[in-house]
C-alpha cells in the first residue's frame, strides 16, 4: 500500500471488525448472504493489516472478495433482502478493485512498453467510481429503503453500512 495514510491497514481492520460484528449481531435480520460477506470482508481486511503489502496476498484476497460477492448475490433476486445483499456485494467488489489497483501501480508492476498505463488507469477510475457509488448508496439507502422492524437490528445494520463505506473510502484513498 502506498502510505498516503500511514494507519490505513489498521483503520481498515477496525472498519472490518466493526462491520462484521454489527452484521453478525443483527442475526436473522441480515440474510446469510450478507453475513458471509461481512465475515469474508472482516478476515480480508485483518489479513491485509497483518500481512502488509504482498502481491500474492492482495491478488488472493481480491479473488476471495470477488467470489464472496458472487455467492452473496445467490437467491436474493426479488426479495426484500436484495438491496442489502447487492450493497454488500458492491463493497466487496470495490475492495477487490482497490487491492488490485495498487498492484498495477506498485513497485513490482511491470513497465509498460506501449503508450498508456495499462490497467492502472482503468482500475483507478473503477475504484473511485466504486467508492463514490458505495458512499452514495449508503446515504440513499439510509433514507429511502425500509429499515428492519427490529430497532436494534436496524441500528446495527446502519453501523455496518457506514463502517463498510468508511473502510472502502480509506482503502481506496490509501492505495
N, C-alpha and C. Protein backbone atom coordinates (compact mmCIF):
# COMPACT_ATOMS: atom_id res chain seq x y z
N UNK A 1 0.84 -1.18 0.00
CA UNK A 1 0.00 0.00 0.00
C UNK A 1 0.88 1.24 0.00
N UNK A 2 0.53 2.17 -0.85
CA UNK A 2 1.20 3.45 -0.83
C UNK A 2 0.67 4.18 0.41
N UNK A 3 1.55 4.54 1.29
CA UNK A 3 1.10 5.02 2.59
C UNK A 3 0.86 6.52 2.61
N UNK A 4 -0.15 6.94 1.84
CA UNK A 4 -0.64 8.31 1.97
C UNK A 4 -1.26 8.47 3.34
N UNK A 5 -1.84 7.40 3.80
CA UNK A 5 -2.46 7.36 5.11
C UNK A 5 -1.77 6.23 5.88
N UNK A 6 -0.77 6.55 6.72
CA UNK A 6 0.07 5.52 7.33
C UNK A 6 -0.69 4.47 8.14
N UNK A 7 -1.77 4.84 8.75
CA UNK A 7 -2.52 3.89 9.59
C UNK A 7 -3.63 3.18 8.80
N UNK A 8 -3.61 3.31 7.47
CA UNK A 8 -4.70 2.77 6.66
C UNK A 8 -4.98 1.28 6.91
N UNK A 9 -3.97 0.41 6.95
CA UNK A 9 -4.29 -1.01 7.16
C UNK A 9 -5.03 -1.27 8.47
N UNK A 10 -4.67 -0.57 9.51
CA UNK A 10 -5.32 -0.80 10.81
C UNK A 10 -6.68 -0.13 10.88
N UNK A 11 -6.85 1.01 10.20
CA UNK A 11 -8.17 1.62 10.11
C UNK A 11 -9.13 0.71 9.34
N UNK A 12 -8.59 0.08 8.30
CA UNK A 12 -9.39 -0.87 7.54
C UNK A 12 -9.78 -2.06 8.39
N UNK A 13 -8.84 -2.59 9.15
CA UNK A 13 -9.13 -3.73 10.00
C UNK A 13 -10.20 -3.37 11.03
N UNK A 14 -10.10 -2.18 11.60
CA UNK A 14 -11.11 -1.75 12.58
C UNK A 14 -12.47 -1.62 11.90
N UNK A 15 -12.52 -1.03 10.71
CA UNK A 15 -13.78 -0.91 9.98
C UNK A 15 -14.36 -2.29 9.67
N UNK A 16 -13.49 -3.22 9.29
CA UNK A 16 -13.94 -4.58 9.00
C UNK A 16 -14.49 -5.29 10.23
N UNK A 17 -13.83 -5.10 11.36
CA UNK A 17 -14.29 -5.73 12.60
C UNK A 17 -15.63 -5.13 13.03
N UNK A 18 -15.74 -3.81 12.96
CA UNK A 18 -17.00 -3.15 13.34
C UNK A 18 -18.14 -3.61 12.43
N UNK A 19 -17.91 -3.60 11.12
CA UNK A 19 -18.95 -4.00 10.17
C UNK A 19 -19.32 -5.48 10.35
N UNK A 20 -18.32 -6.32 10.48
CA UNK A 20 -18.58 -7.74 10.65
C UNK A 20 -19.32 -8.05 11.93
N UNK A 21 -18.88 -7.45 13.03
CA UNK A 21 -19.54 -7.68 14.32
C UNK A 21 -20.97 -7.17 14.30
N UNK A 22 -21.20 -6.00 13.69
CA UNK A 22 -22.55 -5.45 13.64
C UNK A 22 -23.47 -6.33 12.80
N UNK A 23 -22.98 -6.82 11.68
CA UNK A 23 -23.82 -7.67 10.82
C UNK A 23 -24.13 -8.99 11.52
N UNK A 24 -23.14 -9.59 12.15
CA UNK A 24 -23.38 -10.84 12.87
C UNK A 24 -24.30 -10.64 14.06
N UNK A 25 -24.17 -9.50 14.75
CA UNK A 25 -25.03 -9.22 15.90
C UNK A 25 -26.47 -8.96 15.48
N UNK A 26 -26.67 -8.53 14.23
CA UNK A 26 -28.03 -8.31 13.74
C UNK A 26 -28.79 -9.61 13.57
N UNK A 27 -28.06 -10.70 13.55
CA UNK A 27 -28.69 -12.02 13.49
C UNK A 27 -29.51 -12.25 12.25
N UNK A 28 -30.72 -12.76 12.43
CA UNK A 28 -31.55 -13.14 11.29
C UNK A 28 -32.12 -11.94 10.54
N UNK A 29 -31.92 -10.74 11.04
CA UNK A 29 -32.34 -9.54 10.28
C UNK A 29 -31.48 -9.35 9.04
N UNK A 30 -30.28 -9.91 9.08
CA UNK A 30 -29.40 -9.90 7.91
C UNK A 30 -29.40 -11.32 7.34
N UNK A 31 -29.65 -11.47 6.04
CA UNK A 31 -29.66 -12.82 5.46
C UNK A 31 -28.27 -13.45 5.50
N UNK A 32 -28.22 -14.75 5.32
CA UNK A 32 -26.95 -15.46 5.40
C UNK A 32 -25.95 -14.93 4.38
N UNK A 33 -26.43 -14.46 3.22
CA UNK A 33 -25.52 -13.93 2.21
C UNK A 33 -24.78 -12.71 2.74
N UNK A 34 -25.50 -11.83 3.40
CA UNK A 34 -24.88 -10.62 3.95
C UNK A 34 -23.91 -10.98 5.07
N UNK A 35 -24.27 -11.94 5.89
CA UNK A 35 -23.39 -12.34 6.99
C UNK A 35 -22.10 -12.97 6.47
N UNK A 36 -22.19 -13.81 5.44
CA UNK A 36 -20.96 -14.42 4.92
C UNK A 36 -20.06 -13.38 4.29
N UNK A 37 -20.64 -12.38 3.60
CA UNK A 37 -19.81 -11.33 3.02
C UNK A 37 -19.15 -10.50 4.12
N UNK A 38 -19.86 -10.25 5.21
CA UNK A 38 -19.29 -9.49 6.32
C UNK A 38 -18.11 -10.24 6.93
N UNK A 39 -18.25 -11.54 7.09
CA UNK A 39 -17.16 -12.33 7.68
C UNK A 39 -15.96 -12.38 6.73
N UNK A 40 -16.21 -12.57 5.44
CA UNK A 40 -15.10 -12.62 4.47
C UNK A 40 -14.38 -11.27 4.42
N UNK A 41 -15.14 -10.17 4.42
CA UNK A 41 -14.51 -8.84 4.42
C UNK A 41 -13.69 -8.63 5.69
N UNK A 42 -14.25 -9.02 6.83
CA UNK A 42 -13.54 -8.88 8.10
C UNK A 42 -12.20 -9.60 8.03
N UNK A 43 -12.21 -10.86 7.59
CA UNK A 43 -10.98 -11.64 7.51
C UNK A 43 -10.01 -11.01 6.51
N UNK A 44 -10.51 -10.58 5.36
CA UNK A 44 -9.65 -9.99 4.34
C UNK A 44 -8.98 -8.71 4.83
N UNK A 45 -9.73 -7.87 5.51
CA UNK A 45 -9.15 -6.60 5.99
C UNK A 45 -8.17 -6.82 7.13
N UNK A 46 -8.45 -7.78 8.00
CA UNK A 46 -7.50 -8.08 9.08
C UNK A 46 -6.22 -8.69 8.50
N UNK A 47 -6.37 -9.59 7.53
CA UNK A 47 -5.18 -10.18 6.89
C UNK A 47 -4.37 -9.10 6.18
N UNK A 48 -5.04 -8.18 5.51
CA UNK A 48 -4.34 -7.08 4.85
C UNK A 48 -3.53 -6.26 5.86
N UNK A 49 -4.10 -6.00 7.02
CA UNK A 49 -3.39 -5.23 8.04
C UNK A 49 -2.23 -6.01 8.63
N UNK A 50 -2.41 -7.31 8.84
CA UNK A 50 -1.36 -8.10 9.46
C UNK A 50 -0.22 -8.43 8.52
N UNK A 51 -0.54 -8.80 7.28
CA UNK A 51 0.47 -9.28 6.34
C UNK A 51 1.17 -8.13 5.63
N UNK A 52 0.43 -7.10 5.32
CA UNK A 52 1.04 -5.97 4.65
C UNK A 52 0.84 -6.01 3.15
N UNK A 53 1.80 -5.45 2.46
CA UNK A 53 1.68 -5.23 1.02
C UNK A 53 2.40 -6.31 0.22
N UNK A 54 1.87 -7.51 0.22
CA UNK A 54 2.45 -8.61 -0.55
C UNK A 54 1.56 -8.90 -1.75
N UNK A 55 2.17 -9.02 -2.90
CA UNK A 55 1.43 -9.18 -4.14
C UNK A 55 0.51 -10.39 -4.11
N UNK A 56 1.02 -11.55 -3.72
CA UNK A 56 0.21 -12.76 -3.73
C UNK A 56 -0.98 -12.65 -2.77
N UNK A 57 -0.76 -12.04 -1.63
CA UNK A 57 -1.83 -11.87 -0.65
C UNK A 57 -2.92 -10.97 -1.23
N UNK A 58 -2.53 -9.87 -1.86
CA UNK A 58 -3.52 -8.94 -2.42
C UNK A 58 -4.30 -9.56 -3.56
N UNK A 59 -3.63 -10.33 -4.41
CA UNK A 59 -4.33 -11.00 -5.50
C UNK A 59 -5.32 -12.02 -4.93
N UNK A 60 -4.84 -12.83 -3.99
CA UNK A 60 -5.69 -13.86 -3.39
C UNK A 60 -6.89 -13.24 -2.67
N UNK A 61 -6.66 -12.20 -1.87
CA UNK A 61 -7.77 -11.55 -1.16
C UNK A 61 -8.77 -10.94 -2.14
N UNK A 62 -8.28 -10.37 -3.23
CA UNK A 62 -9.17 -9.82 -4.24
C UNK A 62 -10.05 -10.89 -4.86
N UNK A 63 -9.46 -12.04 -5.17
CA UNK A 63 -10.23 -13.15 -5.74
C UNK A 63 -11.26 -13.65 -4.72
N UNK A 64 -10.86 -13.80 -3.45
CA UNK A 64 -11.78 -14.26 -2.41
C UNK A 64 -12.92 -13.27 -2.23
N UNK A 65 -12.63 -11.98 -2.25
CA UNK A 65 -13.69 -10.97 -2.14
C UNK A 65 -14.66 -11.02 -3.32
N UNK A 66 -14.13 -11.23 -4.52
CA UNK A 66 -15.00 -11.34 -5.70
C UNK A 66 -15.89 -12.57 -5.61
N UNK A 67 -15.33 -13.70 -5.19
CA UNK A 67 -16.13 -14.91 -5.02
C UNK A 67 -17.20 -14.72 -3.95
N UNK A 68 -16.84 -14.05 -2.87
CA UNK A 68 -17.79 -13.77 -1.81
C UNK A 68 -18.93 -12.89 -2.32
N UNK A 69 -18.61 -11.91 -3.15
CA UNK A 69 -19.64 -11.05 -3.72
C UNK A 69 -20.58 -11.84 -4.61
N UNK A 70 -20.03 -12.77 -5.39
CA UNK A 70 -20.89 -13.59 -6.25
C UNK A 70 -21.79 -14.50 -5.43
N UNK A 71 -21.23 -15.13 -4.41
CA UNK A 71 -22.03 -16.00 -3.54
C UNK A 71 -23.07 -15.18 -2.79
N UNK A 72 -22.71 -13.96 -2.43
CA UNK A 72 -23.62 -13.09 -1.68
C UNK A 72 -24.84 -12.65 -2.43
N UNK A 73 -24.83 -12.82 -3.76
CA UNK A 73 -25.99 -12.43 -4.55
C UNK A 73 -26.86 -13.63 -4.92
N UNK A 74 -26.52 -14.80 -4.41
CA UNK A 74 -27.28 -16.01 -4.73
C UNK A 74 -28.64 -15.97 -4.06
N UNK A 75 -29.67 -16.15 -4.83
CA UNK A 75 -31.01 -16.31 -4.31
C UNK A 75 -31.68 -15.08 -3.73
N UNK A 76 -31.18 -13.89 -4.00
CA UNK A 76 -31.80 -12.70 -3.41
C UNK A 76 -32.68 -11.93 -4.39
N UNK A 77 -32.69 -12.35 -5.63
CA UNK A 77 -33.48 -11.64 -6.65
C UNK A 77 -34.95 -11.62 -6.26
N UNK A 78 -35.51 -10.42 -6.20
CA UNK A 78 -36.92 -10.26 -5.91
C UNK A 78 -37.28 -10.32 -4.43
N UNK A 79 -36.32 -10.43 -3.56
CA UNK A 79 -36.60 -10.50 -2.13
C UNK A 79 -36.37 -9.13 -1.50
N UNK A 80 -36.85 -8.97 -0.28
CA UNK A 80 -36.64 -7.71 0.45
C UNK A 80 -35.17 -7.53 0.82
N UNK A 81 -34.42 -8.62 0.87
CA UNK A 81 -33.00 -8.55 1.24
C UNK A 81 -32.10 -8.22 0.06
N UNK A 82 -32.65 -8.12 -1.14
CA UNK A 82 -31.83 -7.88 -2.33
C UNK A 82 -31.00 -6.60 -2.25
N UNK A 83 -31.58 -5.45 -1.87
CA UNK A 83 -30.74 -4.24 -1.81
C UNK A 83 -29.59 -4.37 -0.80
N UNK A 84 -29.86 -5.01 0.34
CA UNK A 84 -28.83 -5.18 1.35
C UNK A 84 -27.69 -6.06 0.82
N UNK A 85 -28.04 -7.15 0.17
CA UNK A 85 -27.01 -8.06 -0.32
C UNK A 85 -26.24 -7.48 -1.50
N UNK A 86 -26.93 -6.77 -2.38
CA UNK A 86 -26.24 -6.14 -3.52
C UNK A 86 -25.30 -5.04 -3.02
N UNK A 87 -25.72 -4.28 -2.01
CA UNK A 87 -24.87 -3.25 -1.42
C UNK A 87 -23.58 -3.87 -0.88
N UNK A 88 -23.71 -4.96 -0.14
CA UNK A 88 -22.54 -5.62 0.43
C UNK A 88 -21.67 -6.25 -0.65
N UNK A 89 -22.30 -6.77 -1.70
CA UNK A 89 -21.53 -7.33 -2.81
C UNK A 89 -20.75 -6.23 -3.53
N UNK A 90 -21.38 -5.06 -3.69
CA UNK A 90 -20.68 -3.94 -4.32
C UNK A 90 -19.47 -3.52 -3.50
N UNK A 91 -19.61 -3.52 -2.19
CA UNK A 91 -18.49 -3.16 -1.32
C UNK A 91 -17.35 -4.17 -1.51
N UNK A 92 -17.67 -5.46 -1.57
CA UNK A 92 -16.64 -6.48 -1.75
C UNK A 92 -15.93 -6.31 -3.09
N UNK A 93 -16.69 -6.00 -4.14
CA UNK A 93 -16.09 -5.79 -5.47
C UNK A 93 -15.19 -4.56 -5.45
N UNK A 94 -15.63 -3.48 -4.84
CA UNK A 94 -14.81 -2.26 -4.79
C UNK A 94 -13.54 -2.51 -3.98
N UNK A 95 -13.64 -3.25 -2.89
CA UNK A 95 -12.44 -3.58 -2.11
C UNK A 95 -11.46 -4.40 -2.95
N UNK A 96 -11.98 -5.36 -3.71
CA UNK A 96 -11.10 -6.16 -4.58
C UNK A 96 -10.43 -5.28 -5.63
N UNK A 97 -11.19 -4.38 -6.24
CA UNK A 97 -10.62 -3.48 -7.24
C UNK A 97 -9.52 -2.61 -6.62
N UNK A 98 -9.76 -2.10 -5.42
CA UNK A 98 -8.77 -1.26 -4.77
C UNK A 98 -7.50 -2.06 -4.43
N UNK A 99 -7.66 -3.30 -4.02
CA UNK A 99 -6.50 -4.15 -3.75
C UNK A 99 -5.70 -4.40 -5.03
N UNK A 100 -6.39 -4.66 -6.13
CA UNK A 100 -5.71 -4.93 -7.39
C UNK A 100 -5.14 -3.66 -8.00
N UNK A 101 -5.77 -2.53 -7.80
CA UNK A 101 -5.28 -1.28 -8.37
C UNK A 101 -3.90 -0.96 -7.84
N UNK A 102 -3.66 -1.20 -6.59
CA UNK A 102 -2.35 -0.96 -6.00
C UNK A 102 -1.27 -1.81 -6.63
N UNK A 103 -1.64 -2.99 -7.11
CA UNK A 103 -0.67 -3.88 -7.75
C UNK A 103 -0.27 -3.37 -9.12
N UNK A 104 -1.21 -2.76 -9.82
CA UNK A 104 -0.93 -2.27 -11.17
C UNK A 104 0.00 -1.07 -11.17
N UNK A 105 0.08 -0.36 -10.05
CA UNK A 105 0.93 0.83 -9.99
C UNK A 105 2.05 0.70 -8.98
N UNK A 106 2.13 -0.43 -8.31
CA UNK A 106 3.12 -0.61 -7.24
C UNK A 106 4.53 -0.80 -7.77
N UNK A 107 5.49 -0.99 -6.85
CA UNK A 107 6.89 -1.11 -7.25
C UNK A 107 7.17 -2.39 -8.03
N UNK A 108 6.33 -3.42 -7.91
CA UNK A 108 6.55 -4.67 -8.62
C UNK A 108 5.85 -4.71 -9.96
N UNK A 109 5.12 -3.66 -10.31
CA UNK A 109 4.40 -3.63 -11.58
C UNK A 109 5.39 -3.62 -12.73
N UNK A 110 5.06 -4.34 -13.77
CA UNK A 110 5.91 -4.41 -14.95
C UNK A 110 5.85 -3.09 -15.71
N UNK A 111 6.99 -2.61 -16.21
CA UNK A 111 6.93 -1.40 -17.02
C UNK A 111 6.16 -1.68 -18.31
N UNK A 112 5.41 -0.70 -18.75
CA UNK A 112 4.59 -0.85 -19.95
C UNK A 112 5.38 -0.33 -21.14
N UNK A 113 5.47 -1.17 -22.18
CA UNK A 113 6.25 -0.83 -23.37
C UNK A 113 5.48 0.12 -24.29
N UNK A 114 4.16 0.02 -24.30
CA UNK A 114 3.35 0.84 -25.22
C UNK A 114 2.87 2.10 -24.51
N UNK A 115 2.19 2.93 -25.27
CA UNK A 115 1.67 4.16 -24.70
C UNK A 115 0.51 3.87 -23.78
N UNK A 116 0.37 4.62 -22.72
CA UNK A 116 -0.71 4.40 -21.76
C UNK A 116 -0.18 3.72 -20.51
N UNK A 117 -1.06 3.54 -19.57
CA UNK A 117 -0.62 2.98 -18.29
C UNK A 117 -1.21 1.60 -18.02
N UNK A 118 -1.66 0.91 -19.05
CA UNK A 118 -2.20 -0.43 -18.84
C UNK A 118 -3.50 -0.37 -18.06
N UNK A 119 -3.67 -1.31 -17.16
CA UNK A 119 -4.90 -1.39 -16.38
C UNK A 119 -4.94 -0.41 -15.22
N UNK A 120 -3.83 0.19 -14.88
CA UNK A 120 -3.83 1.04 -13.69
C UNK A 120 -4.81 2.20 -13.82
N UNK A 121 -4.93 2.78 -15.00
CA UNK A 121 -5.87 3.87 -15.18
C UNK A 121 -7.32 3.42 -15.07
N UNK A 122 -7.63 2.28 -15.66
CA UNK A 122 -8.99 1.75 -15.61
C UNK A 122 -9.35 1.37 -14.18
N UNK A 123 -8.46 0.70 -13.48
CA UNK A 123 -8.74 0.28 -12.11
C UNK A 123 -8.86 1.49 -11.18
N UNK A 124 -8.07 2.52 -11.42
CA UNK A 124 -8.18 3.73 -10.60
C UNK A 124 -9.55 4.38 -10.77
N UNK A 125 -10.00 4.48 -12.00
CA UNK A 125 -11.31 5.08 -12.27
C UNK A 125 -12.41 4.22 -11.67
N UNK A 126 -12.33 2.89 -11.85
CA UNK A 126 -13.33 2.00 -11.27
C UNK A 126 -13.34 2.09 -9.75
N UNK A 127 -12.15 2.21 -9.15
CA UNK A 127 -12.08 2.34 -7.70
C UNK A 127 -12.73 3.60 -7.19
N UNK A 128 -12.45 4.72 -7.84
CA UNK A 128 -13.03 6.00 -7.43
C UNK A 128 -14.54 6.00 -7.64
N UNK A 129 -14.98 5.52 -8.80
CA UNK A 129 -16.42 5.45 -9.07
C UNK A 129 -17.09 4.51 -8.07
N UNK A 130 -16.44 3.40 -7.76
CA UNK A 130 -16.99 2.46 -6.80
C UNK A 130 -17.12 3.05 -5.41
N UNK A 131 -16.11 3.78 -4.97
CA UNK A 131 -16.17 4.41 -3.64
C UNK A 131 -17.30 5.43 -3.59
N UNK A 132 -17.39 6.26 -4.61
CA UNK A 132 -18.46 7.26 -4.66
C UNK A 132 -19.83 6.56 -4.67
N UNK A 133 -19.94 5.49 -5.46
CA UNK A 133 -21.19 4.75 -5.53
C UNK A 133 -21.58 4.12 -4.20
N UNK A 134 -20.61 3.53 -3.51
CA UNK A 134 -20.90 2.89 -2.22
C UNK A 134 -21.32 3.92 -1.18
N UNK A 135 -20.62 5.04 -1.13
CA UNK A 135 -20.98 6.08 -0.15
C UNK A 135 -22.35 6.67 -0.48
N UNK A 136 -22.63 6.95 -1.75
CA UNK A 136 -23.95 7.47 -2.12
C UNK A 136 -25.04 6.45 -1.83
N UNK A 137 -24.77 5.19 -2.11
CA UNK A 137 -25.74 4.14 -1.83
C UNK A 137 -26.04 4.07 -0.34
N UNK A 138 -25.00 4.21 0.47
CA UNK A 138 -25.19 4.18 1.92
C UNK A 138 -26.07 5.33 2.38
N UNK A 139 -25.83 6.51 1.84
CA UNK A 139 -26.62 7.68 2.21
C UNK A 139 -28.07 7.51 1.76
N UNK A 140 -28.27 7.12 0.50
CA UNK A 140 -29.62 7.00 -0.04
C UNK A 140 -30.37 5.85 0.63
N UNK A 141 -29.71 4.72 0.81
CA UNK A 141 -30.38 3.56 1.42
C UNK A 141 -30.81 3.87 2.84
N UNK A 142 -30.04 4.67 3.53
CA UNK A 142 -30.38 5.03 4.91
C UNK A 142 -31.67 5.85 4.95
N UNK A 143 -31.93 6.60 3.88
CA UNK A 143 -33.11 7.47 3.83
C UNK A 143 -34.30 6.84 3.13
N UNK A 144 -34.06 5.98 2.14
CA UNK A 144 -35.12 5.52 1.26
C UNK A 144 -35.60 4.10 1.58
N UNK A 145 -34.67 3.18 1.77
CA UNK A 145 -35.07 1.79 1.97
C UNK A 145 -35.68 1.58 3.35
N UNK A 146 -36.66 0.72 3.43
CA UNK A 146 -37.28 0.46 4.73
C UNK A 146 -36.31 -0.27 5.66
N UNK A 147 -36.25 0.17 6.88
CA UNK A 147 -35.37 -0.46 7.87
C UNK A 147 -36.06 -1.68 8.45
N UNK A 148 -35.28 -2.62 8.97
CA UNK A 148 -35.91 -3.75 9.65
C UNK A 148 -36.81 -3.26 10.79
N UNK A 149 -37.83 -4.04 11.10
CA UNK A 149 -38.77 -3.63 12.15
C UNK A 149 -38.12 -3.64 13.53
N UNK A 150 -37.13 -4.48 13.72
CA UNK A 150 -36.40 -4.52 14.98
C UNK A 150 -35.45 -3.33 15.03
N UNK A 151 -35.66 -2.42 15.98
CA UNK A 151 -34.85 -1.19 16.06
C UNK A 151 -33.38 -1.50 16.30
N UNK A 152 -33.09 -2.49 17.14
CA UNK A 152 -31.70 -2.87 17.44
C UNK A 152 -31.01 -3.34 16.16
N UNK A 153 -31.68 -4.20 15.39
CA UNK A 153 -31.11 -4.70 14.14
C UNK A 153 -30.93 -3.57 13.14
N UNK A 154 -31.89 -2.66 13.09
CA UNK A 154 -31.78 -1.53 12.17
C UNK A 154 -30.55 -0.68 12.50
N UNK A 155 -30.32 -0.42 13.79
CA UNK A 155 -29.13 0.35 14.20
C UNK A 155 -27.85 -0.40 13.86
N UNK A 156 -27.82 -1.70 14.13
CA UNK A 156 -26.63 -2.50 13.83
C UNK A 156 -26.33 -2.52 12.34
N UNK A 157 -27.35 -2.67 11.52
CA UNK A 157 -27.13 -2.69 10.08
C UNK A 157 -26.73 -1.32 9.54
N UNK A 158 -27.22 -0.25 10.16
CA UNK A 158 -26.77 1.10 9.78
C UNK A 158 -25.30 1.29 10.14
N UNK A 159 -24.90 0.82 11.31
CA UNK A 159 -23.48 0.89 11.72
C UNK A 159 -22.63 0.10 10.74
N UNK A 160 -23.11 -1.08 10.36
CA UNK A 160 -22.35 -1.90 9.41
C UNK A 160 -22.19 -1.18 8.08
N UNK A 161 -23.27 -0.58 7.57
CA UNK A 161 -23.21 0.12 6.29
C UNK A 161 -22.21 1.26 6.31
N UNK A 162 -22.25 2.05 7.37
CA UNK A 162 -21.32 3.18 7.45
C UNK A 162 -19.88 2.73 7.67
N UNK A 163 -19.68 1.65 8.42
CA UNK A 163 -18.32 1.11 8.60
C UNK A 163 -17.79 0.58 7.27
N UNK A 164 -18.65 -0.08 6.48
CA UNK A 164 -18.22 -0.55 5.16
C UNK A 164 -17.83 0.62 4.27
N UNK A 165 -18.66 1.65 4.24
CA UNK A 165 -18.38 2.81 3.39
C UNK A 165 -17.08 3.48 3.82
N UNK A 166 -16.87 3.62 5.11
CA UNK A 166 -15.62 4.22 5.61
C UNK A 166 -14.43 3.36 5.25
N UNK A 167 -14.56 2.05 5.39
CA UNK A 167 -13.46 1.15 5.05
C UNK A 167 -13.09 1.21 3.59
N UNK A 168 -14.09 1.24 2.72
CA UNK A 168 -13.83 1.33 1.28
C UNK A 168 -13.15 2.66 0.95
N UNK A 169 -13.61 3.74 1.54
CA UNK A 169 -13.01 5.05 1.28
C UNK A 169 -11.57 5.09 1.75
N UNK A 170 -11.29 4.56 2.92
CA UNK A 170 -9.92 4.55 3.45
C UNK A 170 -9.01 3.71 2.56
N UNK A 171 -9.46 2.52 2.17
CA UNK A 171 -8.62 1.65 1.33
C UNK A 171 -8.30 2.31 0.01
N UNK A 172 -9.31 2.84 -0.65
CA UNK A 172 -9.07 3.41 -1.97
C UNK A 172 -8.28 4.72 -1.91
N UNK A 173 -8.40 5.46 -0.82
CA UNK A 173 -7.57 6.66 -0.67
C UNK A 173 -6.13 6.29 -0.35
N UNK A 174 -5.95 5.16 0.34
CA UNK A 174 -4.60 4.77 0.75
C UNK A 174 -3.82 4.09 -0.36
N UNK A 175 -4.51 3.56 -1.38
CA UNK A 175 -3.77 2.86 -2.45
C UNK A 175 -3.58 3.75 -3.64
